[in-house]
Amino acid sequence: MSTEFSCFFYGSLIFPEVMGRILSDYGKEKITVHLNSGAPAVLKGYKRRQVRGAWYPAIIKSNENDEAKGILLKGLSYNDILKLDDYEGDQYKREDVKVFVGDSLDPISTQTYVWIDSANMLEDKDWDPTEFKKKFEKNMIN
């Protein structure tokens, strides 16, 4: 019996096109998780920030009033998690967190990638997923 994992995503990986590239090793492997099955979720006590000079964000621990919005994706395999660890690199650490899915008042235990590099590399503004999507689509066409 295989073990399945879940993970909270709040940045570029909320987009199935991006997640699909990572999990399929850029088209070399079959994807087993349903990429469009992510449920809207909120991570309380963290804030999402734009990484300076990059298209992607990071989350950092913050005060209890802050929250980061994203998706909870279930059904990830151990191999998927290894690919995601590699994609996130040394600037992030996968940590156990609790997220609130939809209108539920009961948090769900999962994992997410938390920024561990210098806070000076983060802008003092939230990451804009709409702006990312425009840039991503423009670069995919060209």
Protein backbone atom coordinates (compact mmCIF):
# COMPACT_ATOMS: atom_id res chain seq x y z
CA MET A 1 0.00 0.00 0.00
CA SER A 2 1.47 3.35 -1.00
CA THR A 3 1.62 6.33 1.34
CA GLU A 4 0.07 9.56 0.15
CA PHE A 5 1.09 13.05 1.23
CA SER A 6 -0.60 16.42 1.23
CA CYS A 7 0.97 19.84 0.98
CA PHE A 8 -0.12 23.48 1.21
CA PHE A 9 1.01 25.57 -1.76
CA TYR A 10 0.80 29.36 -1.85
CA GLY A 11 2.87 30.47 -4.84
CA SER A 12 3.71 29.39 -8.36
CA LEU A 13 2.78 25.79 -7.56
CA ILE A 14 -0.91 26.72 -7.14
CA PHE A 15 -1.03 26.73 -10.93
CA PRO A 16 -1.52 23.24 -12.43
CA GLU A 17 0.69 24.19 -15.40
CA VAL A 18 3.65 24.83 -13.09
CA MET A 19 2.98 21.92 -10.77
CA GLY A 20 2.62 19.61 -13.77
CA ARG A 21 6.03 20.59 -15.11
CA ILE A 22 7.69 19.81 -11.78
CA LEU A 23 5.91 16.54 -11.04
CA SER A 24 6.27 15.23 -14.61
CA ASP A 25 9.98 16.13 -14.67
CA TYR A 26 9.17 18.47 -17.58
CA GLY A 27 7.11 15.91 -19.45
CA LYS A 28 9.31 12.85 -18.90
CA GLU A 29 7.09 11.06 -16.37
CA LYS A 30 3.39 10.39 -15.82
CA ILE A 31 1.68 12.46 -13.12
CA THR A 32 -0.40 10.48 -10.62
CA VAL A 33 -1.95 13.34 -8.61
CA HIS A 34 -4.99 15.25 -9.92
CA LEU A 35 -3.54 18.74 -10.37
CA ASN A 36 -6.91 20.49 -10.41
CA SER A 37 -8.02 18.92 -7.12
CA GLY A 38 -6.41 21.50 -4.84
CA ALA A 39 -8.82 22.91 -2.27
CA PRO A 40 -8.64 26.60 -1.27
CA ALA A 41 -6.89 26.82 2.11
CA VAL A 42 -5.52 29.35 4.57
CA LEU A 43 -2.39 29.12 6.71
CA LYS A 44 -2.72 31.35 9.77
CA GLY A 45 0.25 32.93 11.53
CA TYR A 46 2.30 33.27 8.33
CA LYS A 47 2.62 35.98 5.71
CA ARG A 48 3.43 35.58 2.03
CA ARG A 49 6.00 37.94 0.53
CA GLN A 50 7.40 38.55 -2.93
CA VAL A 51 11.03 37.43 -3.26
CA ARG A 52 13.13 40.35 -4.57
CA GLY A 53 13.99 40.04 -8.26
CA ALA A 54 12.03 36.79 -8.62
CA TRP A 55 8.63 35.71 -9.90
CA TYR A 56 7.82 33.60 -6.87
CA PRO A 57 6.95 34.20 -3.22
CA ALA A 58 7.95 32.89 0.16
CA ILE A 59 6.12 32.56 3.43
CA ILE A 60 7.55 33.43 6.79
CA LYS A 61 6.22 32.92 10.30
CA SER A 62 4.45 36.03 11.48
CA ASN A 63 1.86 37.08 14.02
CA GLU A 64 -1.41 35.26 14.60
CA ASN A 65 -3.42 37.86 12.65
CA ASP A 66 -1.51 37.22 9.41
CA GLU A 67 -2.52 34.54 6.96
CA ALA A 68 -1.31 33.13 3.67
CA LYS A 69 -3.86 31.94 1.12
CA GLY A 70 -3.24 29.00 -1.16
CA ILE A 71 -4.38 25.45 -1.87
CA LEU A 72 -4.15 22.11 -0.13
CA LEU A 73 -3.21 19.37 -2.57
CA LYS A 74 -3.69 15.75 -1.47
CA GLY A 75 -2.56 12.51 -3.08
CA LEU A 76 1.11 13.37 -3.55
CA SER A 77 3.52 10.43 -3.64
CA TYR A 78 6.87 10.21 -1.89
CA ASN A 79 8.51 10.66 -5.30
CA ASP A 80 6.43 13.84 -5.82
CA ILE A 81 7.62 15.18 -2.48
CA LEU A 82 11.25 14.53 -3.43
CA LYS A 83 10.75 16.45 -6.70
CA LEU A 84 9.14 19.32 -4.83
CA ASP A 85 11.96 19.39 -2.26
CA ASP A 86 14.44 19.63 -5.11
CA TYR A 87 12.42 22.35 -6.86
CA GLU A 88 12.15 24.47 -3.71
CA GLY A 89 15.89 24.22 -3.08
CA ASP A 90 17.94 25.41 -0.12
CA GLN A 91 15.98 28.63 0.47
CA TYR A 92 12.97 26.72 1.79
CA LYS A 93 12.37 24.04 4.37
CA ARG A 94 9.39 21.69 4.33
CA GLU A 95 7.62 22.00 7.67
CA ASP A 96 4.53 20.59 9.37
CA VAL A 97 1.68 23.12 9.58
CA LYS A 98 -2.09 23.21 10.05
CA VAL A 99 -4.31 24.82 7.43
CA PHE A 100 -7.98 25.69 7.28
CA VAL A 101 -9.73 24.38 4.18
CA GLY A 102 -12.80 26.18 2.89
CA ASP A 103 -15.12 27.25 5.70
CA SER A 104 -13.96 24.56 8.12
CA LEU A 105 -13.14 25.65 11.65
CA ASP A 106 -11.03 22.54 12.19
CA PRO A 107 -7.46 22.74 10.87
CA ILE A 108 -5.90 19.97 8.80
CA SER A 109 -2.31 18.83 9.39
CA THR A 110 -0.12 19.02 6.30
CA GLN A 111 3.24 20.37 5.20
CA THR A 112 4.41 23.47 3.37
CA TYR A 113 7.62 25.13 2.26
CA VAL A 114 8.76 27.93 4.59
CA TRP A 115 11.44 30.49 3.66
CA ILE A 116 14.66 29.97 5.63
CA ASP A 117 16.93 32.34 3.71
CA SER A 118 17.50 35.99 4.65
CA ALA A 119 14.39 38.09 5.27
CA ASN A 120 16.23 40.92 3.48
CA MET A 121 15.57 39.05 0.23
CA LEU A 122 11.81 39.56 0.67
CA GLU A 123 9.84 42.61 -0.38
CA ASP A 124 7.42 44.22 2.04
CA LYS A 125 4.44 43.30 -0.13
CA ASP A 126 2.38 40.23 -0.87
CA TRP A 127 3.03 38.21 -4.03
CA ASP A 128 0.50 38.76 -6.82
CA PRO A 129 -0.64 35.48 -8.42
CA THR A 130 -2.35 37.33 -11.29
CA GLU A 131 0.90 39.07 -12.23
CA PHE A 132 2.80 35.77 -12.03
CA LYS A 133 0.28 34.05 -14.32
CA LYS A 134 0.66 36.83 -16.93
CA LYS A 135 4.46 36.54 -16.87
CA PHE A 136 4.35 32.73 -16.98
CA GLU A 137 1.95 32.63 -19.94
CA LYS A 138 3.92 35.27 -21.82
CA ASN A 139 7.15 33.29 -21.43
CA MET A 140 5.46 30.03 -22.44
CA ILE A 141 4.24 31.61 -25.70
CA ASN A 142 7.59 33.18 -26.63
